[in-house]
């Protein structure tokens, strides 16, 4: 009887130890992001793991508590074409405590994405990343992060916001929009010639700002070809580039002396209502073809910007 109990006890211990090791091995497998910090592999108990595709942005967050008590949290935001929009990193319980950021609106100046693959229908996402993040308000504080993302079932949430999206396909002029804002109001700048203005504003992930102004809802412009230039108040495309220092905190700030305004001239063409949905919402598509000037000097000629808009009336 005692021998039977002893065998059972040894077998029970074997199972418990095996389960414990299995749990330890599986801790990293629960996270969608495996990464290193200054060549130190950040491994331990995954306290938080989140992924979501919403309105054209893929948001990933992983938090890890290491065996030595150090806590690290990494947030990555990408667009559906793999363009990087945001990197945030937080450390706690270590000599390097604090928040670290890749440059806001210029993330790809210090951080790179490679081998990006995204099957939205199947929910599969994979890519590698590496780059530097900087401690806010401390120019000397920086860390090198590198890692890989492997996801087989990314979550998806329908988009509730109005769509204004710009995604170029010609590498001679890239503009990858971070989801923007839209509004409509009565424009009184023309004195007695008041008209309703529809304004669509959007930042890119590379320090660009674009503002599209229309005097009618996009649904009223289907099939039209519209010319614009700096003197056209009712139809125009305004364009800026960021020339200031790195912005580390997530603050868009005003369009001020840190932004350089360029002049534009061109046309809107191929405006049509699409039969499919974009981000789960009906939308209209079109193409901006424009020349960009710095005063009288042409900077870019015949830039093509495909755009996608929600209607205020549909």
C-alpha atoms as a PDB file:
ATOM      1  CA  UNK A   1       0.000   0.000   0.000  1.00  0.00           C
ATOM      2  CA  UNK A   2       2.789   2.433   0.938  1.00  0.00           C
ATOM      3  CA  UNK A   3       4.657   1.535  -2.224  1.00  0.00           C
ATOM      4  CA  UNK A   4       1.521   2.257  -4.270  1.00  0.00           C
ATOM      5  CA  UNK A   5       1.125   5.648  -2.609  1.00  0.00           C
ATOM      6  CA  UNK A   6       4.779   6.469  -3.237  1.00  0.00           C
ATOM      7  CA  UNK A   7       4.489   5.622  -6.936  1.00  0.00           C
ATOM      8  CA  UNK A   8       1.340   7.728  -7.196  1.00  0.00           C
ATOM      9  CA  UNK A   9       3.030  10.664  -5.389  1.00  0.00           C
ATOM     10  CA  UNK A  10       6.066  10.557  -7.709  1.00  0.00           C
ATOM     11  CA  UNK A  11       3.795  10.373 -10.738  1.00  0.00           C
ATOM     12  CA  UNK A  12       1.768  13.344  -9.450  1.00  0.00           C
ATOM     13  CA  UNK A  13       4.946  15.418  -8.960  1.00  0.00           C
ATOM     14  CA  UNK A  14       6.070  14.532 -12.474  1.00  0.00           C
ATOM     15  CA  UNK A  15       2.769  15.757 -13.921  1.00  0.00           C
ATOM     16  CA  UNK A  16       2.872  19.003 -11.897  1.00  0.00           C
ATOM     17  CA  UNK A  17       6.456  19.811 -12.907  1.00  0.00           C
ATOM     18  CA  UNK A  18       5.658  19.009 -16.528  1.00  0.00           C
ATOM     19  CA  UNK A  19       2.625  21.304 -16.453  1.00  0.00           C
ATOM     20  CA  UNK A  20       4.642  24.082 -14.846  1.00  0.00           C
ATOM     21  CA  UNK A  21       7.346  23.840 -17.515  1.00  0.00           C
ATOM     22  CA  UNK A  22       4.667  23.742 -20.197  1.00  0.00           C
ATOM     23  CA  UNK A  23       3.141  26.929 -18.768  1.00  0.00           C
ATOM     24  CA  UNK A  24       6.548  28.603 -18.695  1.00  0.00           C
ATOM     25  CA  UNK A  25       7.244  27.604 -22.271  1.00  0.00           C
ATOM     26  CA  UNK A  26       3.797  28.760 -23.313  1.00  0.00           C
ATOM     27  CA  UNK A  27       4.060  32.181 -21.700  1.00  0.00           C
ATOM     28  CA  UNK A  28       5.715  33.728 -24.736  1.00  0.00           C
ATOM     29  CA  UNK A  29       3.352  31.963 -27.134  1.00  0.00           C
ATOM     30  CA  UNK A  30       0.438  33.931 -25.697  1.00  0.00           C
ATOM     31  CA  UNK A  31       1.829  37.200 -27.019  1.00  0.00           C
ATOM     32  CA  UNK A  32       1.551  38.460 -30.568  1.00  0.00           C
ATOM     33  CA  UNK A  33       4.851  40.346 -30.282  1.00  0.00           C
ATOM     34  CA  UNK A  34       8.210  38.797 -29.392  1.00  0.00           C
ATOM     35  CA  UNK A  35      10.897  41.447 -29.034  1.00  0.00           C
ATOM     36  CA  UNK A  36      14.241  42.466 -27.579  1.00  0.00           C
ATOM     37  CA  UNK A  37      15.301  45.683 -25.847  1.00  0.00           C
ATOM     38  CA  UNK A  38      18.951  46.694 -26.381  1.00  0.00           C
ATOM     39  CA  UNK A  39      19.653  43.081 -27.437  1.00  0.00           C
ATOM     40  CA  UNK A  40      18.028  41.721 -24.252  1.00  0.00           C
ATOM     41  CA  UNK A  41      15.161  39.320 -25.037  1.00  0.00           C
ATOM     42  CA  UNK A  42      12.086  40.558 -23.140  1.00  0.00           C
ATOM     43  CA  UNK A  43      10.446  37.362 -21.881  1.00  0.00           C
ATOM     44  CA  UNK A  44       8.241  36.497 -18.941  1.00  0.00           C
ATOM     45  CA  UNK A  45       4.598  36.551 -17.931  1.00  0.00           C
ATOM     46  CA  UNK A  46       2.393  38.198 -20.555  1.00  0.00           C
ATOM     47  CA  UNK A  47       0.078  40.445 -18.553  1.00  0.00           C
ATOM     48  CA  UNK A  48      -1.691  42.042 -21.520  1.00  0.00           C
ATOM     49  CA  UNK A  49      -1.971  41.206 -25.210  1.00  0.00           C
ATOM     50  CA  UNK A  50      -4.226  43.072 -27.631  1.00  0.00           C
ATOM     51  CA  UNK A  51      -4.709  43.332 -31.377  1.00  0.00           C
ATOM     52  CA  UNK A  52      -7.336  45.134 -33.445  1.00  0.00           C
ATOM     53  CA  UNK A  53      -7.890  46.211 -37.048  1.00  0.00           C
ATOM     54  CA  UNK A  54     -10.115  49.297 -37.060  1.00  0.00           C
ATOM     55  CA  UNK A  55     -10.636  52.041 -39.682  1.00  0.00           C
ATOM     56  CA  UNK A  56      -7.564  50.991 -41.623  1.00  0.00           C
ATOM     57  CA  UNK A  57      -5.222  50.897 -38.631  1.00  0.00           C
ATOM     58  CA  UNK A  58      -3.799  47.756 -37.039  1.00  0.00           C
ATOM     59  CA  UNK A  59      -3.135  48.267 -33.330  1.00  0.00           C
ATOM     60  CA  UNK A  60      -0.953  45.817 -31.402  1.00  0.00           C
ATOM     61  CA  UNK A  61      -0.120  45.976 -27.679  1.00  0.00           C
ATOM     62  CA  UNK A  62       1.880  43.538 -25.569  1.00  0.00           C
ATOM     63  CA  UNK A  63       2.873  43.883 -21.910  1.00  0.00           C
ATOM     64  CA  UNK A  64       5.404  41.538 -20.259  1.00  0.00           C
ATOM     65  CA  UNK A  65       6.506  41.186 -16.629  1.00  0.00           C
ATOM     66  CA  UNK A  66       9.936  39.548 -16.482  1.00  0.00           C
ATOM     67  CA  UNK A  67      11.157  37.211 -13.750  1.00  0.00           C
ATOM     68  CA  UNK A  68      13.322  40.001 -12.258  1.00  0.00           C
ATOM     69  CA  UNK A  69      10.231  42.206 -11.802  1.00  0.00           C
ATOM     70  CA  UNK A  70      10.893  44.511 -14.763  1.00  0.00           C
ATOM     71  CA  UNK A  71       7.776  45.481 -16.715  1.00  0.00           C
ATOM     72  CA  UNK A  72       7.734  46.385 -20.417  1.00  0.00           C
ATOM     73  CA  UNK A  73       4.852  47.412 -22.679  1.00  0.00           C
ATOM     74  CA  UNK A  74       5.162  47.831 -26.452  1.00  0.00           C
ATOM     75  CA  UNK A  75       2.527  49.411 -28.717  1.00  0.00           C
ATOM     76  CA  UNK A  76       2.732  49.302 -32.512  1.00  0.00           C
ATOM     77  CA  UNK A  77       0.286  50.882 -34.967  1.00  0.00           C
ATOM     78  CA  UNK A  78       0.470  50.114 -38.685  1.00  0.00           C
ATOM     79  CA  UNK A  79      -1.659  50.779 -41.722  1.00  0.00           C
ATOM     80  CA  UNK A  80      -3.079  47.886 -43.707  1.00  0.00           C
ATOM     81  CA  UNK A  81      -0.354  48.244 -46.353  1.00  0.00           C
ATOM     82  CA  UNK A  82       2.414  47.860 -43.743  1.00  0.00           C
ATOM     83  CA  UNK A  83       3.274  51.555 -43.378  1.00  0.00           C
ATOM     84  CA  UNK A  84       4.240  52.296 -39.766  1.00  0.00           C
ATOM     85  CA  UNK A  85       2.169  54.932 -37.967  1.00  0.00           C
ATOM     86  CA  UNK A  86       3.221  54.788 -34.301  1.00  0.00           C
ATOM     87  CA  UNK A  87       5.609  53.126 -31.830  1.00  0.00           C
ATOM     88  CA  UNK A  88       5.335  53.580 -28.047  1.00  0.00           C
ATOM     89  CA  UNK A  89       7.377  51.758 -25.400  1.00  0.00           C
ATOM     90  CA  UNK A  90       7.060  51.857 -21.614  1.00  0.00           C
ATOM     91  CA  UNK A  91       9.477  50.469 -19.004  1.00  0.00           C
ATOM     92  CA  UNK A  92       8.861  50.145 -15.256  1.00  0.00           C
ATOM     93  CA  UNK A  93      10.783  48.835 -12.230  1.00  0.00           C
ATOM     94  CA  UNK A  94      14.171  49.249 -13.899  1.00  0.00           C
ATOM     95  CA  UNK A  95      16.882  51.944 -14.016  1.00  0.00           C
ATOM     96  CA  UNK A  96      15.549  52.950 -17.447  1.00  0.00           C
ATOM     97  CA  UNK A  97      11.947  53.621 -16.358  1.00  0.00           C
ATOM     98  CA  UNK A  98       9.846  55.874 -18.541  1.00  0.00           C
ATOM     99  CA  UNK A  99       8.001  56.338 -21.801  1.00  0.00           C
ATOM    100  CA  UNK A 100       9.834  56.026 -25.113  1.00  0.00           C
ATOM    101  CA  UNK A 101       8.558  56.989 -28.555  1.00  0.00           C
ATOM    102  CA  UNK A 102       9.512  56.798 -32.199  1.00  0.00           C
ATOM    103  CA  UNK A 103       9.144  60.302 -33.731  1.00  0.00           C
ATOM    104  CA  UNK A 104       5.455  61.133 -33.996  1.00  0.00           C
ATOM    105  CA  UNK A 105       4.294  61.604 -37.618  1.00  0.00           C
ATOM    106  CA  UNK A 106       7.807  60.614 -38.755  1.00  0.00           C
ATOM    107  CA  UNK A 107       8.000  57.144 -37.258  1.00  0.00           C
ATOM    108  CA  UNK A 108       9.871  55.582 -40.152  1.00  0.00           C
ATOM    109  CA  UNK A 109      12.806  57.973 -39.619  1.00  0.00           C
ATOM    110  CA  UNK A 110      13.923  55.748 -36.733  1.00  0.00           C
ATOM    111  CA  UNK A 111      11.933  52.533 -37.109  1.00  0.00           C
ATOM    112  CA  UNK A 112      11.527  50.006 -39.929  1.00  0.00           C
ATOM    113  CA  UNK A 113       9.050  47.270 -40.867  1.00  0.00           C
ATOM    114  CA  UNK A 114      10.095  44.347 -43.081  1.00  0.00           C
ATOM    115  CA  UNK A 115       8.543  41.167 -44.500  1.00  0.00           C
ATOM    116  CA  UNK A 116       5.023  42.545 -43.962  1.00  0.00           C
ATOM    117  CA  UNK A 117       2.237  40.102 -44.822  1.00  0.00           C
ATOM    118  CA  UNK A 118      -1.433  40.642 -44.007  1.00  0.00           C
ATOM    119  CA  UNK A 119      -4.327  38.433 -45.007  1.00  0.00           C
ATOM    120  CA  UNK A 120      -7.282  40.426 -43.730  1.00  0.00           C
ATOM    121  CA  UNK A 121      -9.850  37.818 -44.708  1.00  0.00           C
ATOM    122  CA  UNK A 122      -7.981  35.050 -42.923  1.00  0.00           C
ATOM    123  CA  UNK A 123      -6.881  37.261 -40.020  1.00  0.00           C
ATOM    124  CA  UNK A 124      -3.206  36.375 -40.453  1.00  0.00           C
ATOM    125  CA  UNK A 125      -0.513  39.016 -39.900  1.00  0.00           C
ATOM    126  CA  UNK A 126       3.270  38.755 -39.790  1.00  0.00           C
ATOM    127  CA  UNK A 127       6.210  41.151 -40.005  1.00  0.00           C
ATOM    128  CA  UNK A 128       9.582  41.972 -38.463  1.00  0.00           C
ATOM    129  CA  UNK A 129      10.615  45.310 -36.973  1.00  0.00           C
ATOM    130  CA  UNK A 130      13.654  47.102 -35.607  1.00  0.00           C
ATOM    131  CA  UNK A 131      14.591  50.657 -34.733  1.00  0.00           C
ATOM    132  CA  UNK A 132      15.125  53.266 -32.045  1.00  0.00           C
ATOM    133  CA  UNK A 133      12.741  54.814 -29.554  1.00  0.00           C
ATOM    134  CA  UNK A 134      13.534  57.919 -27.513  1.00  0.00           C
ATOM    135  CA  UNK A 135      12.630  59.041 -24.004  1.00  0.00           C
ATOM    136  CA  UNK A 136      10.316  62.041 -24.063  1.00  0.00           C
ATOM    137  CA  UNK A 137      12.048  65.337 -23.133  1.00  0.00           C
ATOM    138  CA  UNK A 138      15.354  63.505 -22.676  1.00  0.00           C
ATOM    139  CA  UNK A 139      17.285  63.663 -25.978  1.00  0.00           C
ATOM    140  CA  UNK A 140      20.013  61.311 -24.695  1.00  0.00           C
ATOM    141  CA  UNK A 141      17.626  58.516 -23.698  1.00  0.00           C
ATOM    142  CA  UNK A 142      17.139  55.963 -26.436  1.00  0.00           C
ATOM    143  CA  UNK A 143      16.636  52.218 -26.793  1.00  0.00           C
ATOM    144  CA  UNK A 144      16.963  49.776 -29.681  1.00  0.00           C
ATOM    145  CA  UNK A 145      13.974  47.481 -30.155  1.00  0.00           C
ATOM    146  CA  UNK A 146      13.744  44.523 -32.534  1.00  0.00           C
ATOM    147  CA  UNK A 147      11.295  41.696 -32.911  1.00  0.00           C
ATOM    148  CA  UNK A 148       8.685  39.811 -34.864  1.00  0.00           C
ATOM    149  CA  UNK A 149       4.904  39.638 -34.979  1.00  0.00           C
ATOM    150  CA  UNK A 150       3.050  36.420 -35.805  1.00  0.00           C
ATOM    151  CA  UNK A 151      -0.753  36.476 -35.601  1.00  0.00           C
ATOM    152  CA  UNK A 152      -3.231  33.921 -36.896  1.00  0.00           C
ATOM    153  CA  UNK A 153      -6.491  35.521 -35.782  1.00  0.00           C
ATOM    154  CA  UNK A 154      -6.394  39.308 -35.638  1.00  0.00           C
ATOM    155  CA  UNK A 155      -9.562  40.938 -34.355  1.00  0.00           C
ATOM    156  CA  UNK A 156     -11.587  43.336 -36.495  1.00  0.00           C
ATOM    157  CA  UNK A 157     -13.964  46.140 -35.469  1.00  0.00           C
ATOM    158  CA  UNK A 158     -16.264  47.956 -37.912  1.00  0.00           C
ATOM    159  CA  UNK A 159     -15.296  51.562 -38.619  1.00  0.00           C
ATOM    160  CA  UNK A 160     -17.664  54.147 -37.134  1.00  0.00           C
ATOM    161  CA  UNK A 161     -15.780  57.265 -38.283  1.00  0.00           C
ATOM    162  CA  UNK A 162     -16.176  59.071 -41.597  1.00  0.00           C
ATOM    163  CA  UNK A 163     -13.550  57.958 -44.079  1.00  0.00           C
ATOM    164  CA  UNK A 164     -10.916  60.231 -45.566  1.00  0.00           C
ATOM    165  CA  UNK A 165      -8.093  58.048 -46.758  1.00  0.00           C
ATOM    166  CA  UNK A 166      -5.197  58.733 -49.124  1.00  0.00           C
ATOM    167  CA  UNK A 167      -2.938  55.864 -50.195  1.00  0.00           C
ATOM    168  CA  UNK A 168      -0.467  56.419 -53.018  1.00  0.00           C
ATOM    169  CA  UNK A 169       0.865  53.594 -55.147  1.00  0.00           C
ATOM    170  CA  UNK A 170       3.652  55.451 -56.967  1.00  0.00           C
ATOM    171  CA  UNK A 171       6.894  55.348 -54.928  1.00  0.00           C
ATOM    172  CA  UNK A 172       8.077  58.677 -56.400  1.00  0.00           C
ATOM    173  CA  UNK A 173       5.626  60.402 -54.026  1.00  0.00           C
ATOM    174  CA  UNK A 174       4.336  58.473 -51.021  1.00  0.00           C
ATOM    175  CA  UNK A 175       1.415  59.626 -48.898  1.00  0.00           C
ATOM    176  CA  UNK A 176       0.062  57.053 -46.460  1.00  0.00           C
ATOM    177  CA  UNK A 177      -2.739  58.614 -44.452  1.00  0.00           C
ATOM    178  CA  UNK A 178      -3.286  58.204 -40.746  1.00  0.00           C
ATOM    179  CA  UNK A 179      -7.125  58.297 -40.478  1.00  0.00           C
ATOM    180  CA  UNK A 180      -8.201  61.928 -40.713  1.00  0.00           C
ATOM    181  CA  UNK A 181     -11.035  64.253 -39.806  1.00  0.00           C
ATOM    182  CA  UNK A 182     -13.938  65.690 -41.768  1.00  0.00           C
ATOM    183  CA  UNK A 183     -16.323  68.557 -41.178  1.00  0.00           C
ATOM    184  CA  UNK A 184     -18.776  70.744 -43.035  1.00  0.00           C
ATOM    185  CA  UNK A 185     -19.659  74.352 -42.295  1.00  0.00           C
ATOM    186  CA  UNK A 186     -20.808  77.558 -43.943  1.00  0.00           C
ATOM    187  CA  UNK A 187     -17.865  79.444 -45.458  1.00  0.00           C
ATOM    188  CA  UNK A 188     -18.262  83.209 -45.046  1.00  0.00           C
ATOM    189  CA  UNK A 189     -14.821  84.289 -46.267  1.00  0.00           C
ATOM    190  CA  UNK A 190     -16.324  85.313 -49.590  1.00  0.00           C
ATOM    191  CA  UNK A 191     -18.505  88.014 -48.024  1.00  0.00           C
ATOM    192  CA  UNK A 192     -22.075  87.816 -49.310  1.00  0.00           C
ATOM    193  CA  UNK A 193     -21.209  84.759 -51.466  1.00  0.00           C
ATOM    194  CA  UNK A 194     -21.627  82.240 -48.666  1.00  0.00           C
ATOM    195  CA  UNK A 195     -21.436  78.540 -49.460  1.00  0.00           C
ATOM    196  CA  UNK A 196     -21.293  75.282 -47.568  1.00  0.00           C
ATOM    197  CA  UNK A 197     -17.751  73.943 -47.346  1.00  0.00           C
ATOM    198  CA  UNK A 198     -16.812  70.299 -46.914  1.00  0.00           C
ATOM    199  CA  UNK A 199     -13.297  69.992 -45.483  1.00  0.00           C
ATOM    200  CA  UNK A 200     -11.301  66.754 -45.239  1.00  0.00           C
ATOM    201  CA  UNK A 201      -8.000  66.901 -43.331  1.00  0.00           C
ATOM    202  CA  UNK A 202      -5.443  64.152 -42.930  1.00  0.00           C
ATOM    203  CA  UNK A 203      -1.858  63.607 -41.730  1.00  0.00           C
ATOM    204  CA  UNK A 204       0.483  61.056 -43.232  1.00  0.00           C
ATOM    205  CA  UNK A 205       2.921  58.804 -41.400  1.00  0.00           C
ATOM    206  CA  UNK A 206       5.824  60.804 -42.897  1.00  0.00           C
ATOM    207  CA  UNK A 207       5.154  64.349 -41.690  1.00  0.00           C
ATOM    208  CA  UNK A 208       2.734  65.508 -44.380  1.00  0.00           C
ATOM    209  CA  UNK A 209      -0.630  67.249 -44.040  1.00  0.00           C
ATOM    210  CA  UNK A 210      -3.314  67.411 -46.718  1.00  0.00           C
ATOM    211  CA  UNK A 211      -6.576  69.364 -46.707  1.00  0.00           C
ATOM    212  CA  UNK A 212      -9.218  68.824 -49.402  1.00  0.00           C
ATOM    213  CA  UNK A 213     -11.916  71.524 -49.641  1.00  0.00           C
ATOM    214  CA  UNK A 214     -15.142  71.048 -51.631  1.00  0.00           C
ATOM    215  CA  UNK A 215     -18.231  73.232 -51.977  1.00  0.00           C
ATOM    216  CA  UNK A 216     -20.546  70.205 -52.251  1.00  0.00           C
ATOM    217  CA  UNK A 217     -20.833  66.771 -50.712  1.00  0.00           C
ATOM    218  CA  UNK A 218     -18.770  64.182 -52.565  1.00  0.00           C
ATOM    219  CA  UNK A 219     -21.979  62.397 -53.618  1.00  0.00           C
ATOM    220  CA  UNK A 220     -22.878  65.466 -55.754  1.00  0.00           C
ATOM    221  CA  UNK A 221     -19.578  65.376 -57.650  1.00  0.00           C
ATOM    222  CA  UNK A 222     -19.767  61.881 -59.194  1.00  0.00           C
ATOM    223  CA  UNK A 223     -18.531  61.889 -62.792  1.00  0.00           C
ATOM    224  CA  UNK A 224     -17.225  65.460 -62.682  1.00  0.00           C
ATOM    225  CA  UNK A 225     -13.677  66.659 -63.417  1.00  0.00           C
ATOM    226  CA  UNK A 226     -12.790  69.630 -61.219  1.00  0.00           C
ATOM    227  CA  UNK A 227      -9.806  71.939 -61.698  1.00  0.00           C
ATOM    228  CA  UNK A 228      -8.244  73.670 -58.710  1.00  0.00           C
ATOM    229  CA  UNK A 229      -5.454  76.115 -57.908  1.00  0.00           C
ATOM    230  CA  UNK A 230      -4.512  78.546 -55.153  1.00  0.00           C
ATOM    231  CA  UNK A 231      -7.042  81.102 -56.328  1.00  0.00           C
ATOM    232  CA  UNK A 232     -10.025  78.740 -56.232  1.00  0.00           C
ATOM    233  CA  UNK A 233     -11.775  79.118 -52.877  1.00  0.00           C
ATOM    234  CA  UNK A 234     -14.487  76.525 -53.478  1.00  0.00           C
ATOM    235  CA  UNK A 235     -12.280  73.663 -54.677  1.00  0.00           C
ATOM    236  CA  UNK A 236      -8.679  73.320 -53.561  1.00  0.00           C
ATOM    237  CA  UNK A 237      -6.076  70.969 -52.163  1.00  0.00           C
ATOM    238  CA  UNK A 238      -3.713  72.393 -49.531  1.00  0.00           C
ATOM    239  CA  UNK A 239      -0.443  70.674 -48.745  1.00  0.00           C
ATOM    240  CA  UNK A 240       2.173  71.042 -45.955  1.00  0.00           C
ATOM    241  CA  UNK A 241       5.315  69.192 -44.832  1.00  0.00           C
ATOM    242  CA  UNK A 242       6.663  69.054 -41.282  1.00  0.00           C
ATOM    243  CA  UNK A 243      10.133  70.673 -40.954  1.00  0.00           C
ATOM    244  CA  UNK A 244      10.427  71.012 -37.168  1.00  0.00           C
ATOM    245  CA  UNK A 245      12.218  68.922 -34.536  1.00  0.00           C
ATOM    246  CA  UNK A 246      11.119  65.403 -33.660  1.00  0.00           C
ATOM    247  CA  UNK A 247       7.752  65.280 -31.894  1.00  0.00           C
ATOM    248  CA  UNK A 248       8.022  62.462 -29.377  1.00  0.00           C
ATOM    249  CA  UNK A 249       4.705  62.783 -27.556  1.00  0.00           C
ATOM    250  CA  UNK A 250       1.520  62.090 -29.490  1.00  0.00           C
ATOM    251  CA  UNK A 251       0.450  65.647 -30.214  1.00  0.00           C
ATOM    252  CA  UNK A 252      -0.485  66.833 -33.677  1.00  0.00           C
ATOM    253  CA  UNK A 253      -0.185  70.464 -32.616  1.00  0.00           C
ATOM    254  CA  UNK A 254      -1.108  73.450 -34.770  1.00  0.00           C
ATOM    255  CA  UNK A 255      -0.083  73.912 -38.385  1.00  0.00           C
ATOM    256  CA  UNK A 256       2.491  76.579 -37.488  1.00  0.00           C
ATOM    257  CA  UNK A 257       6.075  77.613 -38.283  1.00  0.00           C
ATOM    258  CA  UNK A 258       7.159  73.960 -38.008  1.00  0.00           C
ATOM    259  CA  UNK A 259       5.067  73.195 -41.104  1.00  0.00           C
ATOM    260  CA  UNK A 260       6.000  74.410 -44.580  1.00  0.00           C
ATOM    261  CA  UNK A 261       3.086  75.285 -46.877  1.00  0.00           C
ATOM    262  CA  UNK A 262       3.399  74.477 -50.581  1.00  0.00           C
ATOM    263  CA  UNK A 263       1.266  75.704 -53.454  1.00  0.00           C
ATOM    264  CA  UNK A 264      -0.761  73.278 -55.557  1.00  0.00           C
ATOM    265  CA  UNK A 265      -2.475  73.185 -58.927  1.00  0.00           C
ATOM    266  CA  UNK A 266      -4.319  70.302 -60.526  1.00  0.00           C
ATOM    267  CA  UNK A 267      -7.638  68.500 -60.873  1.00  0.00           C
ATOM    268  CA  UNK A 268      -9.952  65.946 -59.269  1.00  0.00           C
ATOM    269  CA  UNK A 269     -10.953  63.105 -61.601  1.00  0.00           C
ATOM    270  CA  UNK A 270     -12.577  59.652 -61.604  1.00  0.00           C
ATOM    271  CA  UNK A 271     -15.024  60.462 -58.777  1.00  0.00           C
ATOM    272  CA  UNK A 272     -17.372  57.510 -58.325  1.00  0.00           C
ATOM    273  CA  UNK A 273     -19.453  55.686 -55.762  1.00  0.00           C
ATOM    274  CA  UNK A 274     -17.983  52.271 -55.028  1.00  0.00           C
ATOM    275  CA  UNK A 275     -20.078  49.118 -54.911  1.00  0.00           C
ATOM    276  CA  UNK A 276     -17.948  47.518 -52.179  1.00  0.00           C
ATOM    277  CA  UNK A 277     -17.226  48.764 -48.654  1.00  0.00           C
ATOM    278  CA  UNK A 278     -14.030  50.268 -47.276  1.00  0.00           C
ATOM    279  CA  UNK A 279     -13.438  49.525 -43.589  1.00  0.00           C
ATOM    280  CA  UNK A 280     -17.013  48.240 -43.473  1.00  0.00           C
ATOM    281  CA  UNK A 281     -18.594  51.488 -44.715  1.00  0.00           C
ATOM    282  CA  UNK A 282     -19.864  52.765 -48.098  1.00  0.00           C
ATOM    283  CA  UNK A 283     -17.545  55.282 -49.733  1.00  0.00           C
ATOM    284  CA  UNK A 284     -16.600  57.271 -52.826  1.00  0.00           C
ATOM    285  CA  UNK A 285     -13.268  57.167 -54.581  1.00  0.00           C
ATOM    286  CA  UNK A 286     -11.412  59.645 -56.765  1.00  0.00           C
ATOM    287  CA  UNK A 287      -7.989  60.763 -57.895  1.00  0.00           C
ATOM    288  CA  UNK A 288      -6.115  64.006 -57.197  1.00  0.00           C
ATOM    289  CA  UNK A 289      -3.598  64.862 -59.923  1.00  0.00           C
ATOM    290  CA  UNK A 290      -1.542  67.893 -58.950  1.00  0.00           C
ATOM    291  CA  UNK A 291       1.693  69.832 -59.315  1.00  0.00           C
ATOM    292  CA  UNK A 292       3.390  71.007 -56.111  1.00  0.00           C
ATOM    293  CA  UNK A 293       5.242  74.337 -56.008  1.00  0.00           C
ATOM    294  CA  UNK A 294       7.513  76.100 -53.540  1.00  0.00           C
ATOM    295  CA  UNK A 295       6.697  79.686 -54.517  1.00  0.00           C
ATOM    296  CA  UNK A 296       7.484  79.674 -58.264  1.00  0.00           C
ATOM    297  CA  UNK A 297       9.669  76.557 -58.251  1.00  0.00           C
ATOM    298  CA  UNK A 298       8.010  73.254 -59.156  1.00  0.00           C
ATOM    299  CA  UNK A 299       8.835  70.596 -56.562  1.00  0.00           C
ATOM    300  CA  UNK A 300       6.771  67.687 -57.897  1.00  0.00           C
ATOM    301  CA  UNK A 301       4.900  67.319 -61.154  1.00  0.00           C
ATOM    302  CA  UNK A 302       1.732  65.319 -61.817  1.00  0.00           C
ATOM    303  CA  UNK A 303       1.560  63.737 -58.367  1.00  0.00           C
ATOM    304  CA  UNK A 304      -1.245  61.179 -58.207  1.00  0.00           C
ATOM    305  CA  UNK A 305      -3.145  60.780 -54.926  1.00  0.00           C
ATOM    306  CA  UNK A 306      -5.963  58.199 -54.899  1.00  0.00           C
ATOM    307  CA  UNK A 307      -8.484  59.221 -52.244  1.00  0.00           C
ATOM    308  CA  UNK A 308     -11.473  57.629 -50.516  1.00  0.00           C
ATOM    309  CA  UNK A 309     -14.266  59.622 -48.849  1.00  0.00           C
ATOM    310  CA  UNK A 310     -17.431  59.040 -46.904  1.00  0.00           C
ATOM    311  CA  UNK A 311     -20.468  61.073 -47.855  1.00  0.00           C
ATOM    312  CA  UNK A 312     -22.131  63.334 -45.281  1.00  0.00           C
ATOM    313  CA  UNK A 313     -25.478  62.632 -46.934  1.00  0.00           C
ATOM    314  CA  UNK A 314     -25.508  58.829 -47.430  1.00  0.00           C
END
